[in-house]
Protein backbone atom coordinates (compact mmCIF):
# COMPACT_ATOMS: atom_id res chain seq x y z
CA MET A 1 95.24 116.88 128.14
CA PHE A 2 97.60 116.46 131.10
CA LYS A 3 101.06 117.20 129.73
CA HIS A 4 102.91 115.03 132.25
CA LYS A 5 100.56 112.04 131.85
CA HIS A 6 103.32 109.40 132.02
CA ALA A 7 105.75 111.21 134.44
CA VAL A 8 106.98 109.46 137.54
CA ASP A 9 108.08 111.08 140.82
CA PHE A 10 110.71 109.15 142.89
CA ASP A 11 110.94 110.15 146.56
CA LEU A 12 114.67 110.63 147.15
CA PRO A 13 116.77 112.40 149.75
CA VAL A 14 118.46 115.60 148.56
CA GLY A 15 121.80 114.74 147.01
CA THR A 16 120.91 111.30 145.65
CA LYS A 17 122.84 110.49 142.45
CA ILE A 18 120.72 110.38 139.32
CA ILE A 19 121.99 108.13 136.58
CA ALA A 20 121.27 108.26 132.85
CA PRO A 21 118.84 105.52 131.90
CA LYS A 22 120.08 105.62 128.29
CA SER A 23 123.04 107.13 126.50
CA GLY A 24 122.46 110.62 125.07
CA ILE A 25 123.58 114.23 124.81
CA VAL A 26 122.84 116.88 127.41
CA VAL A 27 120.74 119.50 125.57
CA ASP A 28 119.43 121.64 128.50
CA ILE A 29 120.47 122.27 132.12
CA LYS A 30 119.34 124.69 134.72
CA ALA A 31 120.90 124.30 138.16
CA ASP A 32 121.11 127.81 139.63
CA SER A 33 117.99 127.84 141.89
CA LYS A 34 118.30 127.45 145.63
CA GLU A 35 114.50 127.71 146.20
CA GLY A 36 111.49 125.49 146.19
CA GLY A 37 108.27 124.79 148.04
CA PRO A 38 104.52 124.23 147.74
CA GLN A 39 103.59 127.91 147.30
CA SER A 40 102.22 129.02 143.93
CA LYS A 41 105.19 131.37 143.31
CA TYR A 42 107.28 128.26 142.75
CA ARG A 43 105.35 127.44 139.58
CA ASN A 44 107.71 129.89 137.85
CA ILE A 45 110.42 128.04 135.92
CA LYS A 46 113.08 130.27 137.41
CA TYR A 47 112.88 128.21 140.64
CA LEU A 48 113.11 124.74 139.01
CA ASN A 49 116.41 123.07 138.37
CA TYR A 50 116.26 120.48 135.61
CA MET A 51 118.14 118.62 132.92
CA THR A 52 117.25 117.24 129.45
CA LEU A 53 118.97 114.45 127.60
CA GLU A 54 118.42 113.78 123.87
CA HIS A 55 118.65 110.15 122.95
CA SER A 56 119.50 108.57 119.52
CA ASN A 57 115.94 107.23 119.04
CA GLY A 58 114.43 110.78 118.98
CA GLU A 59 113.23 110.64 122.56
CA TYR A 60 114.19 112.94 125.36
CA SER A 61 114.44 112.29 129.08
CA GLN A 62 113.93 115.07 131.63
CA TYR A 63 114.82 115.28 135.28
CA GLY A 64 113.25 117.94 137.56
CA HIS A 65 113.67 119.39 141.09
CA LEU A 66 117.43 118.88 141.00
CA LYS A 67 119.76 120.21 143.72
CA HIS A 68 121.26 123.68 143.52
CA LYS A 69 124.44 123.21 141.43
CA GLY A 70 123.52 119.54 141.25
CA ALA A 71 124.49 118.97 137.61
CA LEU A 72 127.33 116.47 137.30
CA VAL A 73 127.66 116.95 133.52
CA LYS A 74 127.87 119.95 131.15
CA LEU A 75 125.75 121.20 128.29
CA ARG A 76 126.33 119.25 125.02
CA GLU A 77 128.26 116.57 126.91
CA LYS A 78 127.76 112.97 125.68
CA VAL A 79 126.69 110.70 128.52
CA ARG A 80 126.49 106.91 128.63
CA GLN A 81 123.87 104.70 130.14
CA GLY A 82 124.44 104.34 133.88
CA GLN A 83 126.54 107.45 134.22
CA PRO A 84 125.77 109.73 137.13
CA ILE A 85 124.38 112.97 135.66
CA ALA A 86 122.82 115.00 138.53
CA LEU A 87 121.89 115.14 142.22
CA SER A 88 118.26 115.09 143.37
CA GLY A 89 116.84 118.06 145.16
CA ASN A 90 113.76 120.03 146.19
CA THR A 91 113.61 123.05 143.87
CA GLY A 92 110.66 124.53 142.13
CA LEU A 93 107.12 123.63 142.98
CA SER A 94 107.71 120.74 145.35
CA THR A 95 106.35 119.54 148.68
CA GLN A 96 109.27 117.26 149.50
CA PRO A 97 112.63 116.16 148.02
CA HIS A 98 112.02 113.99 144.95
CA LEU A 99 113.01 113.42 141.35
CA HIS A 100 110.40 114.24 138.64
CA PHE A 101 111.20 112.05 135.63
CA HIS A 102 109.59 111.72 132.26
CA VAL A 103 110.37 110.62 128.71
CA LEU A 104 109.06 112.71 125.86
CA ARG A 105 108.85 113.10 122.13
CA LEU A 106 108.42 116.36 120.24
CA ASN A 107 105.20 116.75 118.26
CA LYS A 108 103.06 119.41 116.54
CA THR A 109 100.58 120.00 119.36
CA LYS A 110 99.97 123.27 121.22
CA VAL A 111 102.43 122.19 123.99
CA GLY A 112 104.93 120.90 121.40
CA TRP A 113 105.61 117.51 123.08
CA GLU A 114 104.02 114.57 124.73
CA THR A 115 105.18 112.18 127.52
CA LEU A 116 105.70 108.56 126.69
CA LYS A 117 105.18 105.47 128.76
CA ILE A 118 108.40 104.72 130.55
CA ARG A 119 109.89 101.32 129.80
CA PHE A 120 111.70 99.71 132.70
CA LYS A 121 113.84 96.62 132.24
CA GLU A 122 112.89 95.40 135.72
CA LYS A 123 109.33 94.86 136.72
CA MET A 124 108.21 97.88 138.77
CA ARG A 125 104.89 98.84 140.39
CA ILE A 126 104.12 102.48 140.00
CA MET A 127 101.31 104.08 142.01
CA ARG A 128 99.81 107.24 140.53
CA ALA A 129 97.50 109.68 142.31
CA PHE A 130 95.81 112.42 140.37
CA LYS A 131 93.41 115.04 141.54
CA LYS A 132 90.30 115.26 139.42
CA ARG A 133 90.02 118.68 137.80
CA SER A 134 86.77 120.51 138.21
CA SER A 135 85.15 121.69 135.00
């Protein structure tokens, strides 16, 4: 099963403000990497800058490929919907500057979580492109 099934990538210039889609608490931040690119070495989590928010409904939202030192909030900080929380970047395994965004719920699978369909208030068309995996 593809673990990022419902993830969305937004093409954004480096330094674009990312806002919290829902109120929550910052439960994980990594913003110390200056590196990223398409090479396989960047699959290592040490190159990816990211943030995780925990929301009151038991869901989590995650933001990936953030800018070096691009966190605008601190660990365990309460954030409100619409508050700027980070700056977009191009760290980790990435071919261009963008924001990787997904909403997840913890479960008892091998991975330990699953992505959820993202609910937007405004109507939005999302185009997805997946490579078929060879068996």
